[in-house]
């Protein structure tokens, strides 16, 4: 029996990495699940996300060599999910991947059975988180908030939602419950 591919997405600042990192220690034993590696063309110490950093040339080589199951560009970087995910799924292991909202339709065409999960956050909470990070100007934050609302309103009906506006543990419990669904 093949594993399930869970496609996690949400706005920058919604807490995707926090939810994934908090759930990581128990995923294997409670959900027969692991988190896919993300290959990104940015430094290893940039941001809170665990990822495998690649130069632009390394990324392009892997892309041309068909070593990515999925790949996309966003926010000035290239992102990839390796083909090793297919081996994990074939072995019956469930896989969580951190994807892009704008790439969802393409991801669904590549892997029609994927289960899309949107980590949402109230706009006021998202604004506070983005301001606290201090990585963007007020104008850039406002643009992110507008994009957040537009993309949240355009998601397909079958996308599952997690609200991460409050305590992190609540969002983590919601994710673990979704992973446990038949």
N, C-alpha and C. Protein backbone atom coordinates (compact mmCIF):
# COMPACT_ATOMS: atom_id res chain seq x y z
N UNK A 1 0.84 -1.18 0.00
CA UNK A 1 0.00 0.00 0.00
C UNK A 1 0.88 1.25 0.00
N UNK A 2 0.59 2.17 -0.88
CA UNK A 2 1.36 3.41 -0.98
C UNK A 2 1.05 4.35 0.16
N UNK A 3 2.03 5.18 0.50
CA UNK A 3 1.82 6.21 1.50
C UNK A 3 1.06 7.38 0.90
N UNK A 4 0.65 8.29 1.75
CA UNK A 4 -0.08 9.49 1.33
C UNK A 4 0.89 10.67 1.31
N UNK A 5 0.69 11.55 0.33
CA UNK A 5 1.48 12.77 0.23
C UNK A 5 0.63 13.93 0.74
N UNK A 6 1.09 14.56 1.81
CA UNK A 6 0.41 15.71 2.40
C UNK A 6 1.17 16.97 1.98
N UNK A 7 0.46 17.89 1.37
CA UNK A 7 1.04 19.11 0.81
C UNK A 7 0.65 20.28 1.71
N UNK A 8 1.59 20.71 2.54
CA UNK A 8 1.35 21.79 3.50
C UNK A 8 1.68 23.12 2.84
N UNK A 9 0.79 24.10 3.02
CA UNK A 9 1.04 25.42 2.44
C UNK A 9 0.43 26.48 3.35
N UNK A 10 0.84 27.70 3.14
CA UNK A 10 0.32 28.82 3.90
C UNK A 10 1.22 30.02 3.68
N UNK A 11 0.76 31.15 4.13
CA UNK A 11 1.50 32.39 3.97
C UNK A 11 2.82 32.35 4.73
N UNK A 12 3.79 33.10 4.24
CA UNK A 12 5.01 33.29 4.99
C UNK A 12 4.63 33.95 6.31
N UNK A 13 5.00 33.33 7.42
CA UNK A 13 4.64 33.85 8.73
C UNK A 13 3.44 33.14 9.34
N UNK A 14 2.80 32.24 8.58
CA UNK A 14 1.63 31.51 9.11
C UNK A 14 2.03 30.46 10.13
N UNK A 15 3.31 30.08 10.15
CA UNK A 15 3.78 29.12 11.13
C UNK A 15 3.93 27.70 10.61
N UNK A 16 4.07 27.55 9.30
CA UNK A 16 4.24 26.20 8.73
C UNK A 16 5.45 25.49 9.34
N UNK A 17 6.58 26.18 9.36
CA UNK A 17 7.79 25.56 9.90
C UNK A 17 7.65 25.26 11.39
N UNK A 18 7.01 26.15 12.12
CA UNK A 18 6.82 25.92 13.56
C UNK A 18 5.95 24.68 13.79
N UNK A 19 4.87 24.55 13.03
CA UNK A 19 4.00 23.38 13.17
C UNK A 19 4.76 22.11 12.79
N UNK A 20 5.45 22.14 11.65
CA UNK A 20 6.19 20.95 11.21
C UNK A 20 7.28 20.58 12.21
N UNK A 21 8.04 21.56 12.67
CA UNK A 21 9.13 21.26 13.61
C UNK A 21 8.61 20.75 14.95
N UNK A 22 7.46 21.26 15.38
CA UNK A 22 6.88 20.82 16.64
C UNK A 22 6.35 19.39 16.53
N UNK A 23 5.82 19.02 15.38
CA UNK A 23 5.27 17.68 15.18
C UNK A 23 6.34 16.66 14.80
N UNK A 24 7.46 17.11 14.29
CA UNK A 24 8.51 16.24 13.76
C UNK A 24 8.89 15.07 14.68
N UNK A 25 9.10 15.27 15.99
CA UNK A 25 9.56 14.16 16.84
C UNK A 25 8.62 12.95 16.90
N UNK A 26 7.33 13.18 16.67
CA UNK A 26 6.38 12.06 16.81
C UNK A 26 5.79 11.58 15.49
N UNK A 27 6.16 12.20 14.39
CA UNK A 27 5.54 11.83 13.10
C UNK A 27 5.77 10.38 12.72
N UNK A 28 6.97 9.87 12.86
CA UNK A 28 7.28 8.51 12.43
C UNK A 28 6.47 7.49 13.22
N UNK A 29 6.45 7.64 14.54
CA UNK A 29 5.80 6.62 15.36
C UNK A 29 4.29 6.75 15.42
N UNK A 30 3.74 7.95 15.29
CA UNK A 30 2.29 8.11 15.41
C UNK A 30 1.57 8.23 14.08
N UNK A 31 2.27 8.61 13.02
CA UNK A 31 1.58 8.82 11.74
C UNK A 31 2.28 8.13 10.56
N UNK A 32 3.28 7.27 10.86
CA UNK A 32 4.02 6.60 9.78
C UNK A 32 4.42 7.63 8.73
N UNK A 33 5.05 8.70 9.18
CA UNK A 33 5.24 9.87 8.32
C UNK A 33 6.61 10.49 8.51
N UNK A 34 7.13 11.06 7.43
CA UNK A 34 8.34 11.87 7.51
C UNK A 34 8.14 13.13 6.69
N UNK A 35 9.02 14.09 6.90
CA UNK A 35 8.94 15.37 6.20
C UNK A 35 9.93 15.36 5.04
N UNK A 36 9.46 15.70 3.85
CA UNK A 36 10.31 15.75 2.67
C UNK A 36 11.34 16.87 2.80
N UNK A 37 12.53 16.60 2.28
CA UNK A 37 13.57 17.64 2.23
C UNK A 37 13.16 18.69 1.21
N UNK A 38 13.42 19.95 1.54
CA UNK A 38 13.24 21.02 0.56
C UNK A 38 14.62 21.52 0.18
N UNK A 39 14.88 21.53 -1.11
CA UNK A 39 16.12 22.05 -1.67
C UNK A 39 15.82 23.48 -2.09
N UNK A 40 16.60 24.44 -1.58
CA UNK A 40 16.31 25.85 -1.84
C UNK A 40 17.61 26.58 -2.18
N UNK A 41 17.50 27.51 -3.10
CA UNK A 41 18.67 28.30 -3.51
C UNK A 41 18.87 29.48 -2.57
N UNK A 42 19.02 29.20 -1.28
CA UNK A 42 19.36 30.23 -0.30
C UNK A 42 20.24 29.59 0.76
N UNK A 43 20.92 30.44 1.51
CA UNK A 43 21.87 29.97 2.51
C UNK A 43 21.18 29.11 3.58
N UNK A 44 21.94 28.20 4.15
CA UNK A 44 21.40 27.28 5.16
C UNK A 44 20.92 28.02 6.40
N UNK A 45 21.53 29.14 6.73
CA UNK A 45 21.16 29.85 7.95
C UNK A 45 20.12 30.95 7.72
N UNK A 46 19.53 30.99 6.53
CA UNK A 46 18.51 32.01 6.22
C UNK A 46 17.14 31.50 6.64
N UNK A 47 16.50 32.17 7.56
CA UNK A 47 15.16 31.79 8.01
C UNK A 47 15.19 30.64 8.99
N UNK A 48 14.01 30.24 9.44
CA UNK A 48 13.89 29.20 10.46
C UNK A 48 13.71 27.81 9.87
N UNK A 49 13.49 27.74 8.57
CA UNK A 49 13.18 26.46 7.93
C UNK A 49 14.40 25.58 7.77
N UNK A 50 14.24 24.31 8.09
CA UNK A 50 15.28 23.33 7.77
C UNK A 50 15.20 23.09 6.27
N UNK A 51 16.31 23.25 5.59
CA UNK A 51 16.33 22.98 4.15
C UNK A 51 17.74 22.63 3.72
N UNK A 52 17.85 22.12 2.50
CA UNK A 52 19.14 21.80 1.92
C UNK A 52 19.49 22.92 0.94
N UNK A 53 20.51 23.70 1.25
CA UNK A 53 20.85 24.83 0.38
C UNK A 53 21.58 24.38 -0.88
N UNK A 54 21.20 24.97 -2.00
CA UNK A 54 21.86 24.70 -3.28
C UNK A 54 22.18 26.02 -3.96
N UNK A 55 23.27 26.03 -4.70
CA UNK A 55 23.56 27.19 -5.55
C UNK A 55 22.58 27.15 -6.72
N UNK A 56 22.48 28.26 -7.44
CA UNK A 56 21.62 28.27 -8.63
C UNK A 56 22.06 27.20 -9.62
N UNK A 57 23.38 27.04 -9.80
CA UNK A 57 23.90 26.04 -10.74
C UNK A 57 23.57 24.62 -10.28
N UNK A 58 23.72 24.34 -8.98
CA UNK A 58 23.38 23.01 -8.46
C UNK A 58 21.90 22.71 -8.65
N UNK A 59 21.07 23.71 -8.38
CA UNK A 59 19.63 23.52 -8.53
C UNK A 59 19.29 23.21 -9.98
N UNK A 60 19.83 24.00 -10.89
CA UNK A 60 19.55 23.80 -12.32
C UNK A 60 20.02 22.42 -12.78
N UNK A 61 21.19 21.99 -12.30
CA UNK A 61 21.70 20.66 -12.65
C UNK A 61 20.72 19.58 -12.19
N UNK A 62 20.26 19.67 -10.96
CA UNK A 62 19.31 18.68 -10.43
C UNK A 62 17.99 18.71 -11.20
N UNK A 63 17.55 19.91 -11.54
CA UNK A 63 16.31 20.04 -12.31
C UNK A 63 16.46 19.39 -13.69
N UNK A 64 17.55 19.69 -14.38
CA UNK A 64 17.79 19.12 -15.70
C UNK A 64 18.02 17.61 -15.66
N UNK A 65 18.48 17.11 -14.52
CA UNK A 65 18.73 15.67 -14.35
C UNK A 65 17.50 14.94 -13.81
N UNK A 66 16.36 15.64 -13.73
CA UNK A 66 15.09 15.06 -13.26
C UNK A 66 15.20 14.49 -11.85
N UNK A 67 15.89 15.20 -10.98
CA UNK A 67 16.05 14.76 -9.59
C UNK A 67 15.01 15.39 -8.66
N UNK A 68 14.12 16.21 -9.22
CA UNK A 68 13.05 16.81 -8.42
C UNK A 68 11.70 16.22 -8.83
N UNK A 69 10.91 15.85 -7.85
CA UNK A 69 9.52 15.47 -8.11
C UNK A 69 8.72 16.72 -8.45
N UNK A 70 9.01 17.79 -7.71
CA UNK A 70 8.34 19.08 -7.92
C UNK A 70 9.35 20.19 -7.72
N UNK A 71 9.16 21.28 -8.44
CA UNK A 71 10.02 22.45 -8.26
C UNK A 71 9.28 23.70 -8.71
N UNK A 72 9.59 24.82 -8.06
CA UNK A 72 8.94 26.08 -8.35
C UNK A 72 9.84 27.23 -7.92
N UNK A 73 9.48 28.41 -8.36
CA UNK A 73 10.19 29.63 -7.97
C UNK A 73 9.24 30.49 -7.16
N UNK A 74 9.76 31.11 -6.10
CA UNK A 74 8.96 32.03 -5.29
C UNK A 74 9.90 32.93 -4.49
N UNK A 75 9.51 34.18 -4.37
CA UNK A 75 10.25 35.14 -3.54
C UNK A 75 11.73 35.23 -3.89
N UNK A 76 12.07 35.06 -5.15
CA UNK A 76 13.45 35.19 -5.59
C UNK A 76 14.30 33.94 -5.41
N UNK A 77 13.71 32.83 -5.00
CA UNK A 77 14.44 31.58 -4.79
C UNK A 77 13.82 30.46 -5.61
N UNK A 78 14.59 29.40 -5.78
CA UNK A 78 14.10 28.17 -6.40
C UNK A 78 13.90 27.14 -5.29
N UNK A 79 12.80 26.39 -5.37
CA UNK A 79 12.46 25.38 -4.37
C UNK A 79 12.27 24.05 -5.08
N UNK A 80 12.73 22.97 -4.46
CA UNK A 80 12.54 21.65 -5.04
C UNK A 80 12.27 20.60 -3.98
N UNK A 81 11.49 19.61 -4.38
CA UNK A 81 11.23 18.42 -3.57
C UNK A 81 11.81 17.25 -4.36
N UNK A 82 12.71 16.51 -3.76
CA UNK A 82 13.43 15.46 -4.45
C UNK A 82 12.59 14.24 -4.80
N UNK A 83 13.07 13.49 -5.79
CA UNK A 83 12.37 12.29 -6.23
C UNK A 83 12.42 11.16 -5.20
N UNK A 84 13.24 11.30 -4.16
CA UNK A 84 13.27 10.29 -3.10
C UNK A 84 11.90 10.14 -2.45
N UNK A 85 11.07 11.17 -2.54
CA UNK A 85 9.72 11.12 -1.99
C UNK A 85 8.94 9.96 -2.61
N UNK A 86 9.13 9.71 -3.89
CA UNK A 86 8.42 8.61 -4.54
C UNK A 86 8.80 7.26 -3.95
N UNK A 87 10.06 7.09 -3.57
CA UNK A 87 10.50 5.84 -2.93
C UNK A 87 9.84 5.69 -1.56
N UNK A 88 9.77 6.76 -0.81
CA UNK A 88 9.16 6.71 0.51
C UNK A 88 7.67 6.34 0.38
N UNK A 89 6.98 6.99 -0.55
CA UNK A 89 5.56 6.71 -0.76
C UNK A 89 5.35 5.26 -1.19
N UNK A 90 6.20 4.78 -2.10
CA UNK A 90 6.10 3.39 -2.58
C UNK A 90 6.32 2.39 -1.45
N UNK A 91 7.11 2.78 -0.45
CA UNK A 91 7.38 1.92 0.70
C UNK A 91 6.25 1.99 1.73
N UNK A 92 5.20 2.77 1.45
CA UNK A 92 4.07 2.87 2.35
C UNK A 92 4.21 3.92 3.43
N UNK A 93 5.19 4.79 3.28
CA UNK A 93 5.43 5.85 4.26
C UNK A 93 4.68 7.11 3.83
N UNK A 94 3.99 7.73 4.76
CA UNK A 94 3.33 9.00 4.49
C UNK A 94 4.38 10.10 4.50
N UNK A 95 4.19 11.10 3.63
CA UNK A 95 5.16 12.17 3.49
C UNK A 95 4.47 13.52 3.58
N UNK A 96 5.04 14.39 4.41
CA UNK A 96 4.60 15.79 4.49
C UNK A 96 5.58 16.62 3.68
N UNK A 97 5.08 17.47 2.83
CA UNK A 97 5.97 18.39 2.12
C UNK A 97 5.48 19.81 2.29
N UNK A 98 6.41 20.72 2.38
CA UNK A 98 6.13 22.14 2.52
C UNK A 98 6.09 22.72 1.11
N UNK A 99 4.90 23.04 0.63
CA UNK A 99 4.73 23.50 -0.75
C UNK A 99 4.37 24.96 -0.84
N UNK A 100 4.03 25.37 -2.05
CA UNK A 100 3.66 26.74 -2.35
C UNK A 100 2.18 26.79 -2.73
N UNK A 101 1.46 27.79 -2.20
CA UNK A 101 0.04 27.95 -2.56
C UNK A 101 -0.13 28.16 -4.06
N UNK A 102 0.74 28.94 -4.64
CA UNK A 102 0.63 29.25 -6.07
C UNK A 102 0.95 28.04 -6.95
N UNK A 103 1.63 27.03 -6.40
CA UNK A 103 2.03 25.84 -7.15
C UNK A 103 1.06 24.67 -6.97
N UNK A 104 0.03 24.85 -6.15
CA UNK A 104 -0.86 23.74 -5.79
C UNK A 104 -1.44 23.02 -7.01
N UNK A 105 -1.98 23.73 -7.98
CA UNK A 105 -2.60 23.07 -9.14
C UNK A 105 -1.59 22.20 -9.88
N UNK A 106 -0.36 22.70 -10.03
CA UNK A 106 0.68 21.91 -10.69
C UNK A 106 1.02 20.69 -9.85
N UNK A 107 1.13 20.86 -8.55
CA UNK A 107 1.43 19.74 -7.65
C UNK A 107 0.35 18.67 -7.75
N UNK A 108 -0.90 19.09 -7.82
CA UNK A 108 -2.01 18.13 -7.94
C UNK A 108 -1.97 17.40 -9.28
N UNK A 109 -1.50 18.06 -10.33
CA UNK A 109 -1.39 17.38 -11.62
C UNK A 109 -0.24 16.38 -11.62
N UNK A 110 0.81 16.65 -10.87
CA UNK A 110 1.95 15.74 -10.77
C UNK A 110 1.61 14.56 -9.87
N UNK A 111 0.90 14.83 -8.79
CA UNK A 111 0.54 13.78 -7.82
C UNK A 111 -0.94 13.96 -7.46
N UNK A 112 -1.85 13.42 -8.31
CA UNK A 112 -3.29 13.67 -8.14
C UNK A 112 -3.86 13.29 -6.77
N UNK A 113 -3.28 12.35 -6.08
CA UNK A 113 -3.83 11.93 -4.79
C UNK A 113 -3.35 12.73 -3.60
N UNK A 114 -2.59 13.79 -3.84
CA UNK A 114 -2.06 14.52 -2.68
C UNK A 114 -3.18 15.14 -1.86
N UNK A 115 -2.92 15.27 -0.59
CA UNK A 115 -3.88 15.86 0.34
C UNK A 115 -3.34 17.25 0.70
N UNK A 116 -4.07 18.27 0.26
CA UNK A 116 -3.64 19.65 0.47
C UNK A 116 -4.13 20.16 1.82
N UNK A 117 -3.20 20.74 2.58
CA UNK A 117 -3.51 21.30 3.90
C UNK A 117 -3.01 22.74 3.93
N UNK A 118 -3.92 23.65 4.25
CA UNK A 118 -3.59 25.06 4.31
C UNK A 118 -3.50 25.50 5.76
N UNK A 119 -2.32 25.96 6.16
CA UNK A 119 -2.14 26.52 7.50
C UNK A 119 -2.47 28.00 7.41
N UNK A 120 -3.58 28.35 8.02
CA UNK A 120 -4.10 29.71 7.93
C UNK A 120 -3.82 30.45 9.24
N UNK A 121 -3.89 31.74 9.15
CA UNK A 121 -3.70 32.60 10.31
C UNK A 121 -4.48 33.88 10.05
N UNK A 122 -5.08 34.41 11.10
CA UNK A 122 -5.82 35.67 10.95
C UNK A 122 -4.87 36.76 10.48
N UNK A 123 -5.36 37.67 9.66
CA UNK A 123 -4.51 38.72 9.09
C UNK A 123 -3.82 39.57 10.14
N UNK A 124 -4.52 39.91 11.22
CA UNK A 124 -3.90 40.73 12.27
C UNK A 124 -2.74 39.98 12.93
N UNK A 125 -2.91 38.70 13.14
CA UNK A 125 -1.86 37.87 13.73
C UNK A 125 -0.68 37.75 12.76
N UNK A 126 -0.99 37.56 11.49
CA UNK A 126 0.07 37.46 10.47
C UNK A 126 0.86 38.77 10.41
N UNK A 127 0.18 39.89 10.45
CA UNK A 127 0.86 41.20 10.42
C UNK A 127 1.84 41.30 11.61
N UNK A 128 1.39 40.92 12.80
CA UNK A 128 2.26 40.98 13.99
C UNK A 128 3.49 40.09 13.82
N UNK A 129 3.29 38.89 13.30
CA UNK A 129 4.42 37.96 13.11
C UNK A 129 5.42 38.51 12.10
N UNK A 130 4.91 39.05 11.00
CA UNK A 130 5.81 39.59 9.98
C UNK A 130 6.57 40.81 10.50
N UNK A 131 5.89 41.66 11.26
CA UNK A 131 6.57 42.82 11.86
C UNK A 131 7.65 42.37 12.83
N UNK A 132 7.34 41.35 13.64
CA UNK A 132 8.29 40.86 14.64
C UNK A 132 9.54 40.26 13.99
N UNK A 133 9.38 39.65 12.80
CA UNK A 133 10.54 39.08 12.11
C UNK A 133 11.52 40.16 11.68
N UNK A 134 10.99 41.31 11.29
CA UNK A 134 11.83 42.43 10.89
C UNK A 134 12.58 42.23 9.58
N UNK A 135 12.10 41.35 8.72
CA UNK A 135 12.80 41.09 7.46
C UNK A 135 12.25 41.91 6.29
N UNK A 136 11.09 42.54 6.48
CA UNK A 136 10.43 43.22 5.37
C UNK A 136 9.95 44.60 5.79
N UNK A 137 9.82 45.46 4.80
CA UNK A 137 9.31 46.81 5.07
C UNK A 137 7.79 46.73 5.29
N UNK A 138 7.23 47.83 5.79
CA UNK A 138 5.77 47.89 5.99
C UNK A 138 5.04 47.70 4.66
N UNK A 139 5.57 48.27 3.60
CA UNK A 139 4.95 48.12 2.28
C UNK A 139 4.97 46.66 1.84
N UNK A 140 6.10 45.98 2.03
CA UNK A 140 6.20 44.57 1.66
C UNK A 140 5.25 43.71 2.50
N UNK A 141 5.10 44.06 3.75
CA UNK A 141 4.19 43.32 4.62
C UNK A 141 2.75 43.51 4.15
N UNK A 142 2.40 44.73 3.80
CA UNK A 142 1.04 44.98 3.29
C UNK A 142 0.78 44.18 2.01
N UNK A 143 1.79 44.10 1.14
CA UNK A 143 1.64 43.30 -0.08
C UNK A 143 1.45 41.83 0.25
N UNK A 144 2.19 41.34 1.23
CA UNK A 144 2.04 39.93 1.66
C UNK A 144 0.64 39.69 2.22
N UNK A 145 0.11 40.64 2.98
CA UNK A 145 -1.23 40.48 3.55
C UNK A 145 -2.30 40.46 2.47
N UNK A 146 -2.15 41.29 1.47
CA UNK A 146 -3.10 41.29 0.35
C UNK A 146 -3.04 39.95 -0.38
N UNK A 147 -1.82 39.47 -0.65
CA UNK A 147 -1.64 38.19 -1.34
C UNK A 147 -2.20 37.05 -0.48
N UNK A 148 -1.99 37.12 0.82
CA UNK A 148 -2.51 36.12 1.75
C UNK A 148 -4.02 35.99 1.60
N UNK A 149 -4.72 37.12 1.61
CA UNK A 149 -6.18 37.11 1.48
C UNK A 149 -6.62 36.59 0.13
N UNK A 150 -5.97 37.05 -0.94
CA UNK A 150 -6.33 36.61 -2.29
C UNK A 150 -6.16 35.10 -2.45
N UNK A 151 -5.02 34.58 -2.05
CA UNK A 151 -4.77 33.15 -2.22
C UNK A 151 -5.64 32.30 -1.30
N UNK A 152 -5.87 32.77 -0.09
CA UNK A 152 -6.74 32.02 0.84
C UNK A 152 -8.15 31.90 0.28
N UNK A 153 -8.62 32.95 -0.38
CA UNK A 153 -9.97 32.95 -0.94
C UNK A 153 -10.07 32.17 -2.25
N UNK A 154 -8.94 31.81 -2.84
CA UNK A 154 -8.98 31.12 -4.13
C UNK A 154 -8.63 29.63 -4.03
N UNK A 155 -8.50 29.11 -2.81
CA UNK A 155 -8.15 27.71 -2.65
C UNK A 155 -9.31 26.80 -3.04
N UNK A 156 -9.02 25.64 -3.61
CA UNK A 156 -10.09 24.69 -3.94
C UNK A 156 -10.84 24.24 -2.68
N UNK A 157 -12.06 23.80 -2.85
CA UNK A 157 -12.92 23.42 -1.73
C UNK A 157 -12.38 22.21 -0.96
N UNK A 158 -11.62 21.35 -1.62
CA UNK A 158 -11.16 20.12 -0.95
C UNK A 158 -9.89 20.32 -0.10
N UNK A 159 -9.40 21.53 -0.01
CA UNK A 159 -8.22 21.80 0.81
C UNK A 159 -8.63 21.81 2.28
N UNK A 160 -7.87 21.09 3.09
CA UNK A 160 -8.13 21.03 4.53
C UNK A 160 -7.45 22.24 5.19
N UNK A 161 -8.05 22.74 6.26
CA UNK A 161 -7.55 23.96 6.90
C UNK A 161 -7.13 23.70 8.35
N UNK A 162 -6.05 24.36 8.73
CA UNK A 162 -5.58 24.39 10.11
C UNK A 162 -5.47 25.86 10.49
N UNK A 163 -6.01 26.24 11.62
CA UNK A 163 -5.92 27.62 12.09
C UNK A 163 -4.76 27.72 13.07
N UNK A 164 -3.75 28.50 12.71
CA UNK A 164 -2.59 28.69 13.56
C UNK A 164 -2.53 30.13 14.10
N UNK A 165 -3.69 30.68 14.41
CA UNK A 165 -3.75 32.04 14.94
C UNK A 165 -3.53 32.07 16.45
N UNK A 166 -3.69 30.93 17.09
CA UNK A 166 -3.58 30.88 18.55
C UNK A 166 -2.37 30.07 19.00
N UNK A 167 -2.60 29.20 19.99
CA UNK A 167 -1.53 28.38 20.54
C UNK A 167 -1.01 27.39 19.49
N UNK A 168 0.29 27.27 19.40
CA UNK A 168 0.92 26.35 18.45
C UNK A 168 0.45 24.92 18.66
N UNK A 169 0.27 24.52 19.90
CA UNK A 169 -0.14 23.14 20.20
C UNK A 169 -1.49 22.80 19.58
N UNK A 170 -2.39 23.78 19.46
CA UNK A 170 -3.70 23.55 18.86
C UNK A 170 -3.54 23.23 17.38
N UNK A 171 -2.72 24.01 16.68
CA UNK A 171 -2.47 23.76 15.26
C UNK A 171 -1.79 22.41 15.06
N UNK A 172 -0.87 22.07 15.96
CA UNK A 172 -0.18 20.77 15.86
C UNK A 172 -1.16 19.63 16.06
N UNK A 173 -2.06 19.76 17.00
CA UNK A 173 -3.09 18.73 17.22
C UNK A 173 -3.98 18.59 15.99
N UNK A 174 -4.31 19.71 15.36
CA UNK A 174 -5.13 19.67 14.15
C UNK A 174 -4.40 18.92 13.02
N UNK A 175 -3.10 19.20 12.87
CA UNK A 175 -2.32 18.50 11.84
C UNK A 175 -2.27 17.00 12.13
N UNK A 176 -1.97 16.63 13.36
CA UNK A 176 -1.88 15.21 13.70
C UNK A 176 -3.21 14.50 13.47
N UNK A 177 -4.33 15.18 13.73
CA UNK A 177 -5.65 14.60 13.48
C UNK A 177 -5.88 14.39 11.98
N UNK A 178 -5.44 15.34 11.16
CA UNK A 178 -5.58 15.18 9.71
C UNK A 178 -4.74 14.01 9.18
N UNK A 179 -3.55 13.85 9.76
CA UNK A 179 -2.68 12.75 9.33
C UNK A 179 -3.26 11.39 9.71
N UNK A 180 -4.06 11.37 10.74
CA UNK A 180 -4.65 10.12 11.21
C UNK A 180 -5.92 9.72 10.47
N UNK A 181 -6.48 10.64 9.67
CA UNK A 181 -7.71 10.32 8.94
C UNK A 181 -7.45 9.20 7.94
N UNK A 182 -8.45 8.32 7.77
CA UNK A 182 -8.27 7.21 6.80
C UNK A 182 -8.19 7.69 5.37
